[in-house]
Protein backbone atom coordinates (compact mmCIF):
# COMPACT_ATOMS: atom_id res chain seq x y z
CA MET A 1 -0.14 0.02 0.20
CA ALA A 2 3.11 2.55 0.93
CA PHE A 3 4.70 1.55 -2.65
CA ILE A 4 0.91 2.52 -4.56
CA TYR A 5 0.84 5.54 -2.67
CA LEU A 6 4.67 6.90 -3.26
CA GLY A 7 3.98 5.57 -7.13
CA VAL A 8 0.71 7.71 -7.47
CA THR A 9 2.45 10.71 -6.18
CA GLY A 10 5.48 10.65 -7.79
CA ASN A 11 7.20 10.26 -4.64
CA THR A 12 10.61 7.97 -4.97
CA ILE A 13 12.00 5.93 -1.97
CA ASN A 14 14.29 8.21 0.10
CA ILE A 15 15.14 9.00 3.45
CA ILE A 16 11.57 10.47 3.98
CA SER A 17 9.87 7.48 2.61
CA LEU A 18 11.74 5.43 4.46
CA SER A 19 10.98 7.22 7.83
CA ALA A 20 7.20 7.23 7.18
CA LEU A 21 7.44 3.47 6.81
CA SER A 22 8.97 2.96 9.90
CA ILE A 23 6.74 5.27 11.49
CA ALA A 24 3.92 3.19 10.35
CA ILE A 25 5.15 -0.28 10.77
CA GLY A 26 5.66 1.28 14.58
CA MET A 27 2.35 2.44 15.02
CA VAL A 28 0.90 -1.06 14.09
CA VAL A 29 2.97 -2.89 16.39
CA ASP A 30 2.29 -0.50 19.23
CA ASP A 31 -1.70 -0.64 18.74
CA ALA A 32 -1.38 -4.60 18.50
CA ILE A 33 0.34 -4.26 21.86
CA VAL A 34 -2.15 -2.38 23.40
CA VAL A 35 -5.03 -4.86 22.14
CA LEU A 36 -3.02 -7.88 23.16
CA GLU A 37 -2.04 -6.62 26.70
CA ASN A 38 -5.78 -5.40 27.11
CA ILE A 39 -7.06 -9.14 25.89
CA THR A 40 -4.14 -10.63 28.40
CA ARG A 41 -5.77 -8.90 31.46
CA HIS A 42 -9.13 -9.87 30.40
CA ILE A 43 -7.99 -13.28 30.44
CA GLU A 44 -6.57 -13.36 33.50
CA ARG A 45 -10.28 -11.73 34.89
CA GLY A 46 -11.20 -15.26 33.53
CA SER A 47 -12.76 -14.75 30.55
CA THR A 48 -12.36 -17.34 27.65
CA PRO A 49 -9.80 -16.13 25.18
CA ARG A 50 -12.49 -15.35 22.57
CA GLU A 51 -14.56 -13.09 24.76
CA ALA A 52 -11.26 -11.62 26.00
CA ALA A 53 -10.75 -10.71 22.49
CA ILE A 54 -13.91 -9.29 22.01
CA TYR A 55 -14.34 -7.44 25.02
CA ALA A 56 -10.87 -6.20 25.05
CA THR A 57 -11.01 -4.64 21.21
CA ASN A 58 -14.28 -2.90 22.05
CA GLU A 59 -12.80 -1.55 25.30
CA VAL A 60 -9.70 -0.13 22.76
CA TRP A 61 -10.86 0.56 19.65
CA LEU A 62 -11.29 3.92 19.48
CA ALA A 63 -8.26 5.07 21.43
CA VAL A 64 -5.83 2.81 19.13
CA ILE A 65 -8.08 4.79 16.02
CA ALA A 66 -7.43 8.26 17.79
CA THR A 67 -3.65 7.79 18.50
CA THR A 68 -3.06 6.30 14.65
CA LEU A 69 -4.91 9.26 12.93
CA THR A 70 -3.31 11.79 15.53
CA ILE A 71 0.10 10.44 14.02
CA VAL A 72 -1.30 10.49 10.60
CA ALA A 73 -1.90 14.12 11.10
CA VAL A 74 1.31 15.27 12.55
CA PHE A 75 3.13 13.50 9.73
CA PHE A 76 0.99 13.89 6.72
CA PRO A 77 1.97 17.10 6.17
CA MET A 78 5.29 15.99 5.47
CA THR A 79 4.44 13.73 2.40
CA MET A 80 3.72 17.33 0.95
CA VAL A 81 6.79 18.79 2.23
CA ALA A 82 8.89 16.15 0.53
CA HIS A 83 6.56 15.77 -2.56
CA GLY A 84 7.31 19.72 -3.28
CA ARG A 85 10.87 19.30 -2.77
CA ASN A 86 10.69 16.21 -5.73
CA ASP A 87 9.21 19.20 -8.42
CA VAL A 88 12.00 21.43 -7.96
């Protein structure tokens, strides 16, 4: 998906692109850790793994999406700066 975006916008694989990819991968890992920690907490309290996954995900989905959107809002303008430099 990231390489499709780079191709459509005309960007190349450079330091900014690789930085964005590493931030995106880090966000996926961070979001997964938040969900897994909450699932583990539910399992320790006696829920079945299936119930724990459902309840835990329902509890944290908004926080996970909010943090991801915040990162996107902060770093998306950098893609426009990088794109502007390629045109010069």
